[in-house]
Protein backbone atom coordinates (compact mmCIF):
# COMPACT_ATOMS: atom_id res chain seq x y z
CA MET A 1 -0.18 0.07 -0.17
CA ALA A 2 1.42 3.55 -1.11
CA SER A 3 1.70 6.18 1.03
CA SER A 4 0.11 9.46 0.28
CA ALA A 5 3.01 11.34 0.83
CA ASP A 6 6.07 10.79 -1.13
CA PRO A 7 9.29 11.14 1.23
CA ASP A 8 11.23 11.56 -2.07
CA ALA A 9 8.90 14.24 -3.82
CA ALA A 10 10.87 17.64 -4.01
CA THR A 11 9.08 20.17 -1.57
CA PRO A 12 8.37 23.28 -3.11
CA PRO A 13 10.20 26.37 -1.81
CA SER A 14 8.83 28.54 0.45
CA ALA A 15 7.52 31.68 -0.54
CA PRO A 16 10.12 34.54 0.26
CA GLN A 17 9.12 36.17 3.84
CA PRO A 18 8.11 39.45 3.24
CA GLU A 19 10.18 42.62 4.80
CA PRO A 20 8.66 43.40 8.02
CA ALA A 21 6.91 46.83 8.08
CA ARG A 22 9.10 49.63 8.78
CA LYS A 23 8.41 53.13 9.24
CA ALA A 24 9.99 56.41 10.36
CA VAL A 25 9.05 59.42 12.42
CA ARG A 26 10.83 62.37 13.00
CA VAL A 27 9.43 63.73 16.83
CA VAL A 28 10.49 66.99 18.61
CA VAL A 29 9.89 67.02 22.04
CA LYS A 30 9.21 70.22 23.79
CA GLY A 31 9.59 71.06 27.72
CA ARG A 32 12.15 70.49 30.28
CA VAL A 33 14.10 68.09 27.92
CA THR A 34 17.56 69.25 28.18
CA GLY A 35 20.11 68.96 30.97
CA VAL A 36 18.09 66.01 32.21
CA GLY A 37 19.39 63.04 30.47
CA PHE A 38 16.80 62.64 27.76
CA ARG A 39 19.34 61.75 24.90
CA ASP A 40 20.60 59.26 26.87
CA TRP A 41 17.31 58.01 28.12
CA THR A 42 15.88 58.25 24.55
CA ALA A 43 18.51 56.34 23.12
CA SER A 44 18.34 53.63 25.54
CA THR A 45 14.60 53.11 25.24
CA ALA A 46 14.70 53.42 21.85
CA GLU A 47 17.67 50.58 21.82
CA SER A 48 15.84 48.48 24.05
CA LEU A 49 12.56 48.62 21.23
CA GLY A 50 14.75 47.22 18.56
CA LEU A 51 14.08 51.00 16.84
CA ALA A 52 17.18 52.97 14.73
CA GLY A 53 17.55 56.47 14.37
CA TRP A 54 19.12 59.10 16.08
CA VAL A 55 18.46 61.87 18.98
CA ARG A 56 19.75 65.48 19.52
CA ASN A 57 19.16 68.73 21.44
CA ARG A 58 18.15 71.97 19.58
CA ARG A 59 19.27 75.16 20.56
CA ASP A 60 15.74 76.12 20.91
CA GLY A 61 15.61 73.50 24.37
CA SER A 62 13.68 70.92 22.60
CA VAL A 63 14.75 67.73 21.87
CA GLU A 64 14.56 66.17 18.32
CA ALA A 65 14.68 62.39 17.31
CA LEU A 66 14.01 60.23 14.34
CA LEU A 67 12.63 56.94 15.05
CA SER A 68 12.77 54.34 12.25
CA GLY A 69 11.42 50.60 12.90
CA ASP A 70 8.47 48.47 13.64
CA PRO A 71 5.67 51.01 13.37
CA ALA A 72 3.82 49.47 16.73
CA LYS A 73 7.13 50.22 18.37
CA ILE A 74 7.38 53.87 17.20
CA GLU A 75 3.63 54.37 18.40
CA ASP A 76 4.59 52.99 21.63
CA MET A 77 7.48 55.50 21.94
CA ILE A 78 5.60 58.34 20.79
CA THR A 79 2.29 57.82 22.85
CA ARG A 80 3.33 56.05 26.26
CA ARG A 81 7.29 56.54 26.58
CA LEU A 82 8.14 59.93 25.30
CA PRO A 83 5.75 62.22 26.88
CA VAL A 84 7.07 60.81 30.00
CA GLY A 85 10.46 60.91 29.56
CA PRO A 86 13.21 60.53 32.19
CA PRO A 87 12.51 60.89 35.55
CA ALA A 88 13.60 65.14 35.60
CA ALA A 89 11.93 65.66 32.56
CA THR A 90 8.96 67.73 32.14
CA VAL A 91 7.50 66.72 28.69
CA THR A 92 4.59 69.28 27.49
CA ALA A 93 4.37 68.33 23.67
CA VAL A 94 5.44 65.68 21.50
CA VAL A 95 5.34 66.68 17.82
CA PRO A 96 5.48 63.74 15.04
CA SER A 97 6.20 64.24 11.47
CA THR A 98 6.99 61.77 8.61
CA ALA A 99 10.32 60.85 7.68
CA GLU A 100 12.32 58.46 5.89
CA PRO A 101 13.07 55.01 7.57
CA VAL A 102 17.15 54.36 7.60
CA ASP A 103 19.13 51.13 7.63
CA PRO A 104 18.14 49.46 10.66
CA SER A 105 21.84 48.07 11.02
CA THR A 106 22.53 51.68 11.54
CA GLY A 107 21.43 51.39 15.44
CA PHE A 108 20.53 54.27 17.23
CA GLU A 109 22.78 57.46 17.70
CA ILE A 110 23.21 60.60 19.81
CA LYS A 111 24.19 63.41 17.58
CA PHE A 112 25.42 66.77 18.43
CA THR A 113 23.07 69.79 19.16
CA VAL A 114 21.35 71.86 16.39
């Protein structure tokens, strides 16, 4: 009696896995966010979420960041984490705008003030 599954039959190649969805958002964070460790906290938090991008202080006293990666993790960063920030920060606004995603292998960087 023949088996219905032929072990010698070639298995069809599996379909290529789609690239995970990636997006990027540029965010300006306002309030008491400079001189309180906000850049280090942002870099550490973004890295823990697997996001790529950068963060920097701005001369107007705000902090600017580019967050690139999984859309759900970016949303979490923008809606739950950045509005709170590190303990010494007082965030008054988080202003997002769209941006181009960056290569995930670039990691997350702290840049100089602009």
